[in-house]
């Protein structure tokens, strides 16, 4: 009986560490979840960088030193529904 205690305890200790290596807070399962989270965050970062670049381009067209009057007119017409005095606007629903 005494001959089985040491190997049994060692086996249980190995099982304990194997379980935590796979399912623990920093185990393989959690690592795989973190990898998926990282991929999702990288995709969101790429999307946000594209949006930032688009906004930066629009902003540069509105700065006083690089003002694009055609762009300003387009914004006024589309966003604010402005028109010239000699134009007629028709609202169609």
N, C-alpha and C. Protein backbone atom coordinates (compact mmCIF):
# COMPACT_ATOMS: atom_id res chain seq x y z
N UNK A 1 0.81 -1.19 0.00
CA UNK A 1 0.00 0.00 0.00
C UNK A 1 0.86 1.26 0.00
N UNK A 2 1.91 1.27 0.79
CA UNK A 2 2.80 2.42 0.84
C UNK A 2 3.50 2.63 -0.50
N UNK A 3 3.66 1.57 -1.25
CA UNK A 3 4.32 1.70 -2.54
C UNK A 3 3.44 2.43 -3.56
N UNK A 4 2.15 2.50 -3.34
CA UNK A 4 1.22 3.13 -4.27
C UNK A 4 0.93 4.59 -3.92
N UNK A 5 1.24 5.04 -2.72
CA UNK A 5 0.91 6.38 -2.28
C UNK A 5 1.72 7.43 -3.06
N UNK A 6 3.01 7.26 -3.15
CA UNK A 6 3.86 8.24 -3.83
C UNK A 6 3.52 8.35 -5.32
N UNK A 7 3.42 7.25 -6.06
CA UNK A 7 3.05 7.37 -7.48
C UNK A 7 1.63 7.91 -7.66
N UNK A 8 0.72 7.55 -6.78
CA UNK A 8 -0.65 8.06 -6.87
C UNK A 8 -0.70 9.56 -6.64
N UNK A 9 0.03 10.03 -5.63
CA UNK A 9 0.07 11.47 -5.35
C UNK A 9 0.72 12.22 -6.51
N UNK A 10 1.77 11.65 -7.05
CA UNK A 10 2.43 12.27 -8.20
C UNK A 10 1.50 12.32 -9.41
N UNK A 11 0.74 11.26 -9.63
CA UNK A 11 -0.23 11.21 -10.73
C UNK A 11 -1.31 12.27 -10.55
N UNK A 12 -1.82 12.42 -9.32
CA UNK A 12 -2.83 13.44 -9.05
C UNK A 12 -2.26 14.85 -9.25
N UNK A 13 -1.03 15.04 -8.85
CA UNK A 13 -0.38 16.33 -9.03
C UNK A 13 -0.22 16.65 -10.52
N UNK A 14 0.15 15.66 -11.30
CA UNK A 14 0.29 15.85 -12.75
C UNK A 14 -1.07 16.14 -13.38
N UNK A 15 -2.12 15.43 -12.94
CA UNK A 15 -3.47 15.70 -13.46
C UNK A 15 -3.92 17.12 -13.11
N UNK A 16 -3.61 17.56 -11.91
CA UNK A 16 -3.97 18.90 -11.47
C UNK A 16 -3.33 19.95 -12.38
N UNK A 17 -2.03 19.82 -12.62
CA UNK A 17 -1.34 20.78 -13.47
C UNK A 17 -1.80 20.70 -14.93
N UNK A 18 -2.09 19.52 -15.42
CA UNK A 18 -2.59 19.37 -16.79
C UNK A 18 -3.96 20.03 -16.94
N UNK A 19 -4.83 19.85 -15.95
CA UNK A 19 -6.15 20.47 -16.00
C UNK A 19 -6.02 21.98 -16.07
N UNK A 20 -5.18 22.55 -15.21
CA UNK A 20 -5.03 24.00 -15.19
C UNK A 20 -4.28 24.52 -16.42
N UNK A 21 -3.45 23.71 -17.01
CA UNK A 21 -2.77 24.12 -18.23
C UNK A 21 -3.75 24.24 -19.40
N UNK A 22 -4.81 23.44 -19.36
CA UNK A 22 -5.80 23.46 -20.43
C UNK A 22 -6.97 24.39 -20.09
N UNK A 23 -7.52 24.28 -18.89
CA UNK A 23 -8.76 24.98 -18.57
C UNK A 23 -8.61 26.09 -17.55
N UNK A 24 -7.45 26.39 -17.10
CA UNK A 24 -7.27 27.43 -16.08
C UNK A 24 -7.42 28.83 -16.64
N UNK A 25 -7.24 29.83 -15.78
CA UNK A 25 -7.37 31.22 -16.19
C UNK A 25 -6.40 31.59 -17.31
N UNK A 26 -5.24 30.98 -17.30
CA UNK A 26 -4.24 31.26 -18.32
C UNK A 26 -3.94 30.01 -19.15
N UNK A 27 -4.95 29.16 -19.27
CA UNK A 27 -4.78 27.90 -20.00
C UNK A 27 -4.98 28.05 -21.49
N UNK A 28 -4.95 26.92 -22.18
CA UNK A 28 -5.06 26.90 -23.64
C UNK A 28 -6.43 27.36 -24.12
N UNK A 29 -7.48 27.02 -23.39
CA UNK A 29 -8.82 27.43 -23.80
C UNK A 29 -8.94 28.96 -23.74
N UNK A 30 -8.47 29.54 -22.66
CA UNK A 30 -8.49 31.00 -22.52
C UNK A 30 -7.60 31.66 -23.57
N UNK A 31 -6.48 31.05 -23.88
CA UNK A 31 -5.57 31.58 -24.90
C UNK A 31 -6.26 31.63 -26.25
N UNK A 32 -7.00 30.57 -26.59
CA UNK A 32 -7.72 30.53 -27.87
C UNK A 32 -8.79 31.62 -27.90
N UNK A 33 -9.49 31.86 -26.79
CA UNK A 33 -10.48 32.92 -26.72
C UNK A 33 -9.83 34.28 -26.91
N UNK A 34 -8.68 34.47 -26.30
CA UNK A 34 -7.97 35.74 -26.44
C UNK A 34 -7.49 35.96 -27.87
N UNK A 35 -7.12 34.89 -28.56
CA UNK A 35 -6.72 35.01 -29.96
C UNK A 35 -7.89 35.49 -30.82
N UNK A 36 -9.09 34.95 -30.57
CA UNK A 36 -10.28 35.38 -31.31
C UNK A 36 -10.59 36.84 -31.00
N UNK A 37 -10.48 37.21 -29.73
CA UNK A 37 -10.72 38.61 -29.34
C UNK A 37 -9.72 39.54 -30.03
N UNK A 38 -8.47 39.10 -30.10
CA UNK A 38 -7.44 39.91 -30.74
C UNK A 38 -7.75 40.13 -32.22
N UNK A 39 -8.19 39.08 -32.91
CA UNK A 39 -8.53 39.20 -34.33
C UNK A 39 -9.69 40.16 -34.52
N UNK A 40 -10.70 40.07 -33.66
CA UNK A 40 -11.85 40.97 -33.77
C UNK A 40 -11.43 42.42 -33.52
N UNK A 41 -10.57 42.62 -32.53
CA UNK A 41 -10.11 43.98 -32.23
C UNK A 41 -9.23 44.54 -33.34
N UNK A 42 -8.41 43.69 -33.96
CA UNK A 42 -7.59 44.15 -35.07
C UNK A 42 -8.46 44.54 -36.27
N UNK A 43 -9.54 43.79 -36.52
CA UNK A 43 -10.45 44.13 -37.61
C UNK A 43 -11.15 45.46 -37.31
N UNK A 44 -11.56 45.64 -36.06
CA UNK A 44 -12.21 46.90 -35.69
C UNK A 44 -11.23 48.07 -35.80
N UNK A 45 -9.99 47.84 -35.42
CA UNK A 45 -8.97 48.88 -35.53
C UNK A 45 -8.76 49.29 -36.99
N UNK A 46 -8.70 48.30 -37.88
CA UNK A 46 -8.53 48.60 -39.31
C UNK A 46 -9.72 49.41 -39.83
N UNK A 47 -10.94 49.03 -39.41
CA UNK A 47 -12.13 49.76 -39.83
C UNK A 47 -12.09 51.20 -39.31
N UNK A 48 -11.69 51.37 -38.06
CA UNK A 48 -11.63 52.71 -37.47
C UNK A 48 -10.53 53.56 -38.11
N UNK A 49 -9.42 52.94 -38.49
CA UNK A 49 -8.36 53.69 -39.17
C UNK A 49 -8.82 54.18 -40.53
N UNK A 50 -9.60 53.36 -41.25
CA UNK A 50 -10.14 53.78 -42.54
C UNK A 50 -11.10 54.96 -42.35
N UNK A 51 -11.96 54.86 -41.34
CA UNK A 51 -12.90 55.95 -41.06
C UNK A 51 -12.15 57.23 -40.67
N UNK A 52 -11.08 57.08 -39.87
CA UNK A 52 -10.28 58.24 -39.47
C UNK A 52 -9.63 58.89 -40.69
N UNK A 53 -9.11 58.07 -41.59
CA UNK A 53 -8.48 58.62 -42.80
C UNK A 53 -9.50 59.36 -43.66
N UNK A 54 -10.72 58.83 -43.76
CA UNK A 54 -11.77 59.51 -44.53
C UNK A 54 -12.13 60.85 -43.87
N UNK A 55 -12.27 60.85 -42.56
CA UNK A 55 -12.58 62.09 -41.86
C UNK A 55 -11.44 63.10 -41.97
N UNK A 56 -10.23 62.61 -41.93
CA UNK A 56 -9.07 63.49 -42.07
C UNK A 56 -9.05 64.13 -43.45
N UNK A 57 -9.40 63.36 -44.47
CA UNK A 57 -9.47 63.91 -45.82
C UNK A 57 -10.54 64.96 -45.94
N UNK A 58 -11.71 64.70 -45.34
CA UNK A 58 -12.79 65.68 -45.37
C UNK A 58 -12.40 66.94 -44.60
N UNK A 59 -11.75 66.75 -43.48
CA UNK A 59 -11.34 67.89 -42.66
C UNK A 59 -10.30 68.74 -43.38
N UNK A 60 -9.38 68.09 -44.08
CA UNK A 60 -8.35 68.86 -44.79
C UNK A 60 -8.96 69.70 -45.91
N UNK A 61 -10.10 69.25 -46.45
CA UNK A 61 -10.77 70.02 -47.50
C UNK A 61 -11.55 71.20 -46.93
N UNK A 62 -11.72 71.24 -45.61
CA UNK A 62 -12.47 72.32 -44.97
C UNK A 62 -11.57 73.32 -44.25
N UNK A 63 -10.29 73.06 -44.19
CA UNK A 63 -9.37 73.99 -43.52
C UNK A 63 -9.22 75.26 -44.34
N UNK A 64 -9.03 76.39 -43.67
CA UNK A 64 -8.95 77.67 -44.39
C UNK A 64 -7.85 77.72 -45.45
N UNK A 65 -6.70 77.10 -45.18
CA UNK A 65 -5.60 77.17 -46.14
C UNK A 65 -5.79 76.24 -47.34
N UNK A 66 -6.64 75.22 -47.21
CA UNK A 66 -6.89 74.29 -48.32
C UNK A 66 -8.38 74.14 -48.59
N UNK A 67 -9.13 75.21 -48.44
CA UNK A 67 -10.59 75.16 -48.56
C UNK A 67 -11.00 74.81 -49.99
N UNK A 68 -11.86 73.80 -50.10
CA UNK A 68 -12.40 73.37 -51.38
C UNK A 68 -13.85 73.85 -51.46
N UNK A 69 -14.08 74.91 -52.22
CA UNK A 69 -15.41 75.52 -52.27
C UNK A 69 -16.46 74.59 -52.88
N UNK A 70 -16.07 73.77 -53.82
CA UNK A 70 -17.02 72.81 -54.40
C UNK A 70 -17.47 71.81 -53.34
N UNK A 71 -16.55 71.38 -52.49
CA UNK A 71 -16.88 70.45 -51.42
C UNK A 71 -17.82 71.11 -50.40
N UNK A 72 -17.56 72.37 -50.08
CA UNK A 72 -18.42 73.10 -49.15
C UNK A 72 -19.82 73.23 -49.73
N UNK A 73 -19.92 73.55 -51.00
CA UNK A 73 -21.23 73.66 -51.65
C UNK A 73 -21.95 72.32 -51.65
N UNK A 74 -21.23 71.26 -51.93
CA UNK A 74 -21.83 69.93 -51.92
C UNK A 74 -22.35 69.57 -50.53
N UNK A 75 -21.58 69.88 -49.50
CA UNK A 75 -22.03 69.62 -48.13
C UNK A 75 -23.27 70.44 -47.80
N UNK A 76 -23.27 71.70 -48.18
CA UNK A 76 -24.43 72.55 -47.89
C UNK A 76 -25.68 72.04 -48.60
N UNK A 77 -25.51 71.55 -49.82
CA UNK A 77 -26.66 71.05 -50.56
C UNK A 77 -27.17 69.72 -50.01
N UNK A 78 -26.27 68.80 -49.71
CA UNK A 78 -26.71 67.47 -49.29
C UNK A 78 -27.09 67.42 -47.81
N UNK A 79 -26.31 68.01 -46.96
CA UNK A 79 -26.56 67.89 -45.52
C UNK A 79 -27.57 68.91 -45.01
N UNK A 80 -27.53 70.12 -45.56
CA UNK A 80 -28.36 71.20 -45.04
C UNK A 80 -29.51 71.58 -45.96
N UNK A 81 -29.59 70.96 -47.13
CA UNK A 81 -30.63 71.23 -48.13
C UNK A 81 -30.64 72.69 -48.55
N UNK A 82 -29.48 73.27 -48.67
CA UNK A 82 -29.39 74.65 -49.16
C UNK A 82 -29.52 74.65 -50.67
N UNK A 83 -29.99 75.78 -51.17
CA UNK A 83 -30.10 75.95 -52.62
C UNK A 83 -29.75 77.39 -52.96
N UNK A 84 -29.45 77.62 -54.21
CA UNK A 84 -29.19 78.98 -54.68
C UNK A 84 -30.51 79.71 -54.82
N UNK A 85 -30.46 81.03 -54.80
CA UNK A 85 -31.73 81.79 -54.90
C UNK A 85 -32.50 81.52 -56.20
N UNK A 86 -31.82 81.17 -57.26
CA UNK A 86 -32.51 80.95 -58.53
C UNK A 86 -32.92 79.49 -58.74
N UNK A 87 -32.79 78.66 -57.72
CA UNK A 87 -33.16 77.24 -57.82
C UNK A 87 -34.44 76.98 -57.04
N UNK A 88 -35.15 75.94 -57.48
CA UNK A 88 -36.38 75.52 -56.80
C UNK A 88 -36.15 74.12 -56.27
N UNK A 89 -36.45 73.89 -55.00
CA UNK A 89 -36.32 72.57 -54.41
C UNK A 89 -37.67 71.88 -54.39
N UNK A 90 -37.69 70.64 -54.78
CA UNK A 90 -38.90 69.82 -54.75
C UNK A 90 -38.69 68.70 -53.74
N UNK A 91 -39.56 68.62 -52.78
CA UNK A 91 -39.47 67.55 -51.76
C UNK A 91 -40.32 66.38 -52.24
N UNK A 92 -39.68 65.25 -52.45
CA UNK A 92 -40.36 64.05 -52.92
C UNK A 92 -40.22 62.98 -51.84
N UNK A 93 -41.35 62.44 -51.43
CA UNK A 93 -41.32 61.41 -50.38
C UNK A 93 -41.74 60.08 -50.93
